Amino acid sequence: MHYPAMPDQRRQRRYHRYLRVSCKNPKLAFESLTRDICAGGVFVITHHLLPLGSPIDLEFSLGETDPVLHCRGRIAWINAGQIETFPPGFGVEFVEGDEQAMGELLQELGV
């Protein structure tokens, strides 16, 4: 199966941050870490690969006492090993979520 490479142009600056994230869709549920994040999306490090365009619900947690941030996205690109300098996983484009909460999350991360 052929997976497209990471998009060459970014609309928003990404920030390298490891956050705990729970991922759920109708076929799969798992917990992982992010590699980077921006207001428009996130990269999830995982060997659980879903098809391009698949919907996915994400829950981010900064710590045990912090509230969980919920958002919905779609799988925008996949790294199944074709980019050796990048971990396996997928990029998610946010399509729904609490924009204020996402802004607060990015502010909390210092980005």
Protein backbone atom coordinates (compact mmCIF):
# COMPACT_ATOMS: atom_id res chain seq x y z
CA MET A 1 0.00 0.00 0.00
CA HIS A 2 1.28 3.47 -0.88
CA TYR A 3 1.06 6.22 1.74
CA PRO A 4 1.58 9.88 0.82
CA ALA A 5 4.50 11.68 2.39
CA MET A 6 4.19 14.55 4.81
CA PRO A 7 2.80 17.68 3.14
CA ASP A 8 5.57 19.95 1.88
CA GLN A 9 3.92 23.19 2.93
CA ARG A 10 2.51 23.94 6.33
CA ARG A 11 -0.21 26.49 6.89
CA GLN A 12 0.68 26.86 10.57
CA ARG A 13 3.85 26.46 12.56
CA ARG A 14 4.09 23.17 14.40
CA TYR A 15 5.57 22.85 17.87
CA HIS A 16 7.41 19.75 19.03
CA ARG A 17 5.46 18.55 22.10
CA TYR A 18 4.90 15.13 23.64
CA LEU A 19 1.36 15.00 25.05
CA ARG A 20 -0.70 12.05 26.16
CA VAL A 21 -3.54 11.48 23.72
CA SER A 22 -6.39 8.99 23.56
CA CYS A 23 -7.50 8.13 20.03
CA LYS A 24 -10.84 6.58 19.11
CA ASN A 25 -12.70 5.77 15.93
CA PRO A 26 -15.33 3.12 15.12
CA LYS A 27 -12.65 0.48 14.45
CA LEU A 28 -9.96 1.23 17.03
CA ALA A 29 -9.19 2.84 20.40
CA PHE A 30 -5.71 3.34 21.84
CA GLU A 31 -3.51 5.73 23.82
CA SER A 32 -0.32 7.25 22.56
CA LEU A 33 1.83 10.39 22.45
CA THR A 34 1.90 13.33 20.11
CA ARG A 35 5.07 14.39 18.32
CA ASP A 36 4.03 17.89 17.35
CA ILE A 37 0.97 20.10 17.47
CA CYS A 38 -0.44 23.31 16.02
CA ALA A 39 -3.84 25.01 15.98
CA GLY A 40 -4.82 23.03 12.87
CA GLY A 41 -3.57 19.55 13.66
CA VAL A 42 -1.32 17.09 15.44
CA PHE A 43 0.97 14.15 14.68
CA VAL A 44 0.23 11.00 16.70
CA ILE A 45 3.05 8.49 17.19
CA THR A 46 1.64 4.99 16.73
CA HIS A 47 1.81 1.71 14.87
CA HIS A 48 -2.03 1.69 14.72
CA LEU A 49 -2.53 3.06 11.22
CA LEU A 50 -5.95 4.04 9.92
CA PRO A 51 -6.89 4.79 6.29
CA LEU A 52 -6.50 8.32 4.97
CA GLY A 53 -9.56 10.44 5.59
CA SER A 54 -10.71 8.31 8.52
CA PRO A 55 -12.47 10.24 11.27
CA ILE A 56 -10.86 10.17 14.69
CA ASP A 57 -11.78 11.52 18.11
CA LEU A 58 -8.90 12.77 20.24
CA GLU A 59 -8.62 13.53 23.95
CA PHE A 60 -5.53 15.40 25.13
CA SER A 61 -4.30 15.51 28.70
CA LEU A 62 -1.55 17.73 30.06
CA GLY A 63 -1.53 16.19 33.50
CA GLU A 64 -3.58 14.28 36.02
CA THR A 65 -5.25 17.39 37.46
CA ASP A 66 -5.76 19.26 34.18
CA PRO A 67 -9.01 19.00 32.22
CA VAL A 68 -9.11 16.80 29.15
CA LEU A 69 -9.45 18.55 25.78
CA HIS A 70 -11.73 16.84 23.23
CA CYS A 71 -11.57 17.36 19.49
CA ARG A 72 -12.40 15.55 16.26
CA GLY A 73 -10.16 15.21 13.25
CA ARG A 74 -9.45 13.25 10.12
CA ILE A 75 -6.33 11.33 9.13
CA ALA A 76 -4.51 13.68 6.75
CA TRP A 77 -1.27 11.76 6.18
CA ILE A 78 0.42 8.56 7.31
CA ASN A 79 4.01 7.57 7.98
CA ALA A 80 4.21 3.79 7.72
CA GLY A 81 8.01 3.86 7.59
CA GLN A 82 8.53 5.66 4.30
CA ILE A 83 10.06 8.63 6.16
CA GLU A 84 12.84 6.98 8.14
CA THR A 85 13.72 10.10 10.15
CA PHE A 86 10.14 10.43 11.43
CA PRO A 87 8.32 8.10 13.82
CA PRO A 88 5.51 5.86 12.59
CA GLY A 89 2.05 7.31 12.97
CA PHE A 90 -0.32 9.75 11.36
CA GLY A 91 -1.06 13.41 11.00
CA VAL A 92 -4.52 14.55 12.05
CA GLU A 93 -6.24 17.65 10.72
CA PHE A 94 -8.65 19.05 13.31
CA VAL A 95 -12.18 19.38 11.97
CA GLU A 96 -14.16 19.94 15.16
CA GLY A 97 -13.32 20.95 18.64
CA ASP A 98 -13.42 23.65 21.17
CA GLU A 99 -11.33 26.39 19.53
CA GLN A 100 -11.05 28.28 22.80
CA ALA A 101 -9.84 25.14 24.59
CA MET A 102 -7.32 24.46 21.79
CA GLY A 103 -6.04 28.03 22.10
CA GLU A 104 -5.72 27.57 25.87
CA LEU A 105 -3.88 24.29 25.36
CA LEU A 106 -1.38 25.90 22.98
CA GLN A 107 -0.96 28.82 25.37
CA GLU A 108 -0.38 26.40 28.28
CA LEU A 109 2.30 24.69 26.17
CA GLY A 110 3.98 28.03 25.60
CA VAL A 111 3.42 28.12 21.85
